[in-house]
Every structure is written in C-alpha cells, then in structure tokens.
C-alpha cells in the first residue's frame, strides 16, 4: 500500500507533525506540502 502525507503549515508546527507521521509509516510513502502543489 502507498501512503501520501499532505500538509499545509504557516508556522512549521503542522510540518513537524506531518513528518512525525511520515516517519512512522512503514510501507511505501511520500510527503508533500500542499502549497508547493498549487499553481
């Protein structure tokens, strides 16, 4: 199973939590900042 962690963070707190979740996922994974995906 693939997992994708999406986050949006103005101050960096949500980013820290997103990376903590990302680090706990054992299977194939990716992490993206939503702001980098928006045109």
Protein backbone atom coordinates (compact mmCIF):
# COMPACT_ATOMS: atom_id res chain seq x y z
CA UNK A 1 0.00 0.00 0.00
CA UNK A 2 1.22 3.52 -0.80
CA UNK A 3 0.67 6.37 1.61
CA UNK A 4 0.72 10.10 0.95
CA UNK A 5 1.00 12.65 3.74
CA UNK A 6 -0.21 16.09 2.69
CA UNK A 7 0.26 19.12 4.90
CA UNK A 8 -0.01 22.89 4.90
CA UNK A 9 1.86 24.85 7.53
CA UNK A 10 2.33 28.57 8.10
CA UNK A 11 4.45 28.39 11.25
CA UNK A 12 6.09 24.98 10.83
CA UNK A 13 4.21 23.17 13.60
CA UNK A 14 1.97 21.19 11.25
CA UNK A 15 5.01 20.33 9.14
CA UNK A 16 6.72 18.83 12.21
CA UNK A 17 3.65 16.70 12.96
CA UNK A 18 3.35 15.64 9.31
CA UNK A 19 6.98 14.46 9.27
CA UNK A 20 6.47 12.60 12.56
CA UNK A 21 3.53 10.75 10.99
CA UNK A 22 5.54 10.17 7.80
CA UNK A 23 8.42 8.64 9.79
CA UNK A 24 6.06 6.14 11.45
CA UNK A 25 4.64 4.81 8.17
CA UNK A 26 6.36 1.55 7.27
CA UNK A 27 5.20 0.98 3.69
CA UNK A 28 5.94 2.99 0.55
CA UNK A 29 5.30 6.66 1.28
CA UNK A 30 5.61 10.23 0.10
CA UNK A 31 5.12 13.61 1.75
CA UNK A 32 4.08 16.85 0.06
CA UNK A 33 3.43 20.44 1.07
CA UNK A 34 0.07 21.39 -0.45
CA UNK A 35 1.34 24.90 -1.15
CA UNK A 36 4.01 23.51 -3.49
CA UNK A 37 1.37 21.63 -5.50
CA UNK A 38 -0.90 24.62 -6.21
CA UNK A 39 -0.35 26.58 -9.42
